[in-house]
Amino acid sequence: MKQYKFIRVRRKVFGFSYRARINGRSKYPREVIKDLAARGYGLKCIVPVSSYAQALYEYDMVFERDTALNVVYEIED
């Protein structure tokens, strides 16, 4: 079974940097990727959300994690 997490990233009003707001903290996208990778998530794709005049203002980062149960079967002789 797969588990997905969506993180919204927005462009700052002045400047060209993008930030994600997580638990009241502003983080760069690379920080978000590193944090979620440490928890077993991998970046699956990026989905554009808002743009204007060929400039991207908002996008969602989609993370995926496999939550399959690791079941060990014992074979009796």
C-alpha atoms as a PDB file:
ATOM      1  CA  MET A   1       0.000   0.000   0.000  1.00  0.00           C
ATOM      2  CA  LYS A   2       1.257   3.475  -0.831  1.00  0.00           C
ATOM      3  CA  GLN A   3       0.982   6.563   1.357  1.00  0.00           C
ATOM      4  CA  TYR A   4       1.172  10.040  -0.160  1.00  0.00           C
ATOM      5  CA  LYS A   5       1.989  13.432   1.313  1.00  0.00           C
ATOM      6  CA  PHE A   6       1.438  16.756  -0.493  1.00  0.00           C
ATOM      7  CA  ILE A   7       3.482  19.839   0.397  1.00  0.00           C
ATOM      8  CA  ARG A   8       2.514  23.240  -1.054  1.00  0.00           C
ATOM      9  CA  VAL A   9       5.453  25.452  -2.060  1.00  0.00           C
ATOM     10  CA  ARG A  10       4.975  29.159  -2.780  1.00  0.00           C
ATOM     11  CA  ARG A  11       7.158  31.789  -4.362  1.00  0.00           C
ATOM     12  CA  LYS A  12       8.170  34.647  -2.101  1.00  0.00           C
ATOM     13  CA  VAL A  13       6.598  38.014  -2.946  1.00  0.00           C
ATOM     14  CA  PHE A  14       9.947  39.718  -3.482  1.00  0.00           C
ATOM     15  CA  GLY A  15      12.717  37.587  -4.891  1.00  0.00           C
ATOM     16  CA  PHE A  16      12.924  34.300  -6.672  1.00  0.00           C
ATOM     17  CA  SER A  17      13.079  31.839  -3.789  1.00  0.00           C
ATOM     18  CA  TYR A  18      10.373  29.303  -3.019  1.00  0.00           C
ATOM     19  CA  ARG A  19       9.333  28.296   0.493  1.00  0.00           C
ATOM     20  CA  ALA A  20       7.092  25.693   2.091  1.00  0.00           C
ATOM     21  CA  ARG A  21       5.283  26.441   5.348  1.00  0.00           C
ATOM     22  CA  ILE A  22       5.387  23.431   7.690  1.00  0.00           C
ATOM     23  CA  ASN A  23       4.309  23.613  11.336  1.00  0.00           C
ATOM     24  CA  GLY A  24       4.659  27.393  11.321  1.00  0.00           C
ATOM     25  CA  ARG A  25       8.218  27.258   9.946  1.00  0.00           C
ATOM     26  CA  SER A  26       9.322  28.410   6.528  1.00  0.00           C
ATOM     27  CA  LYS A  27      11.551  25.852   4.762  1.00  0.00           C
ATOM     28  CA  TYR A  28      13.348  25.684   1.457  1.00  0.00           C
ATOM     29  CA  PRO A  29      12.220  22.826  -0.822  1.00  0.00           C
ATOM     30  CA  ARG A  30      15.531  20.968  -0.390  1.00  0.00           C
ATOM     31  CA  GLU A  31      15.077  20.988   3.387  1.00  0.00           C
ATOM     32  CA  VAL A  32      11.612  19.489   2.966  1.00  0.00           C
ATOM     33  CA  ILE A  33      12.958  16.763   0.665  1.00  0.00           C
ATOM     34  CA  LYS A  34      15.735  15.863   3.138  1.00  0.00           C
ATOM     35  CA  ASP A  35      13.350  15.812   6.124  1.00  0.00           C
ATOM     36  CA  LEU A  36      10.807  13.581   4.417  1.00  0.00           C
ATOM     37  CA  ALA A  37      13.496  11.296   2.961  1.00  0.00           C
ATOM     38  CA  ALA A  38      14.679  10.669   6.519  1.00  0.00           C
ATOM     39  CA  ARG A  39      11.127   9.470   7.284  1.00  0.00           C
ATOM     40  CA  GLY A  40      11.027   7.090   4.320  1.00  0.00           C
ATOM     41  CA  TYR A  41       9.308   9.282   1.715  1.00  0.00           C
ATOM     42  CA  GLY A  42      10.578   9.751  -1.822  1.00  0.00           C
ATOM     43  CA  LEU A  43       9.747  12.690  -4.089  1.00  0.00           C
ATOM     44  CA  LYS A  44       7.331  11.293  -6.686  1.00  0.00           C
ATOM     45  CA  CYS A  45       6.502  14.374  -8.768  1.00  0.00           C
ATOM     46  CA  ILE A  46       5.861  18.102  -8.767  1.00  0.00           C
ATOM     47  CA  VAL A  47       2.432  19.440  -9.747  1.00  0.00           C
ATOM     48  CA  PRO A  48       2.103  23.094 -10.867  1.00  0.00           C
ATOM     49  CA  VAL A  49      -0.734  24.861  -9.059  1.00  0.00           C
ATOM     50  CA  SER A  50      -0.548  28.549  -9.934  1.00  0.00           C
ATOM     51  CA  SER A  51       1.302  30.541 -12.580  1.00  0.00           C
ATOM     52  CA  TYR A  52       1.076  33.901 -14.274  1.00  0.00           C
ATOM     53  CA  ALA A  53       2.840  35.158 -17.415  1.00  0.00           C
ATOM     54  CA  GLN A  54       4.898  31.949 -17.684  1.00  0.00           C
ATOM     55  CA  ALA A  55       6.144  32.296 -14.098  1.00  0.00           C
ATOM     56  CA  LEU A  56       5.420  29.532 -11.610  1.00  0.00           C
ATOM     57  CA  TYR A  57       4.088  30.864  -8.287  1.00  0.00           C
ATOM     58  CA  GLU A  58       2.881  27.736  -6.489  1.00  0.00           C
ATOM     59  CA  TYR A  59       3.420  24.015  -6.842  1.00  0.00           C
ATOM     60  CA  ASP A  60       2.789  20.857  -4.861  1.00  0.00           C
ATOM     61  CA  MET A  61       5.561  18.394  -4.110  1.00  0.00           C
ATOM     62  CA  VAL A  62       4.115  14.877  -3.999  1.00  0.00           C
ATOM     63  CA  PHE A  63       5.929  12.378  -1.773  1.00  0.00           C
ATOM     64  CA  GLU A  64       5.339   8.638  -1.703  1.00  0.00           C
ATOM     65  CA  ARG A  65       6.095   5.970   0.897  1.00  0.00           C
ATOM     66  CA  ASP A  66       5.479   2.239   0.748  1.00  0.00           C
ATOM     67  CA  THR A  67       3.573   1.112   3.836  1.00  0.00           C
ATOM     68  CA  ALA A  68       3.354  -2.587   2.980  1.00  0.00           C
ATOM     69  CA  LEU A  69       3.662  -4.906   5.921  1.00  0.00           C
ATOM     70  CA  ASN A  70       6.788  -7.012   6.022  1.00  0.00           C
ATOM     71  CA  VAL A  71       5.396 -10.474   6.678  1.00  0.00           C
ATOM     72  CA  VAL A  72       7.748 -13.395   7.137  1.00  0.00           C
ATOM     73  CA  TYR A  73       6.338 -16.844   6.403  1.00  0.00           C
ATOM     74  CA  GLU A  74       7.917 -19.861   8.018  1.00  0.00           C
ATOM     75  CA  ILE A  75       7.908 -23.051   5.985  1.00  0.00           C
ATOM     76  CA  GLU A  76       7.654 -26.286   7.924  1.00  0.00           C
ATOM     77  CA  ASP A  77       9.475 -29.385   6.663  1.00  0.00           C
END
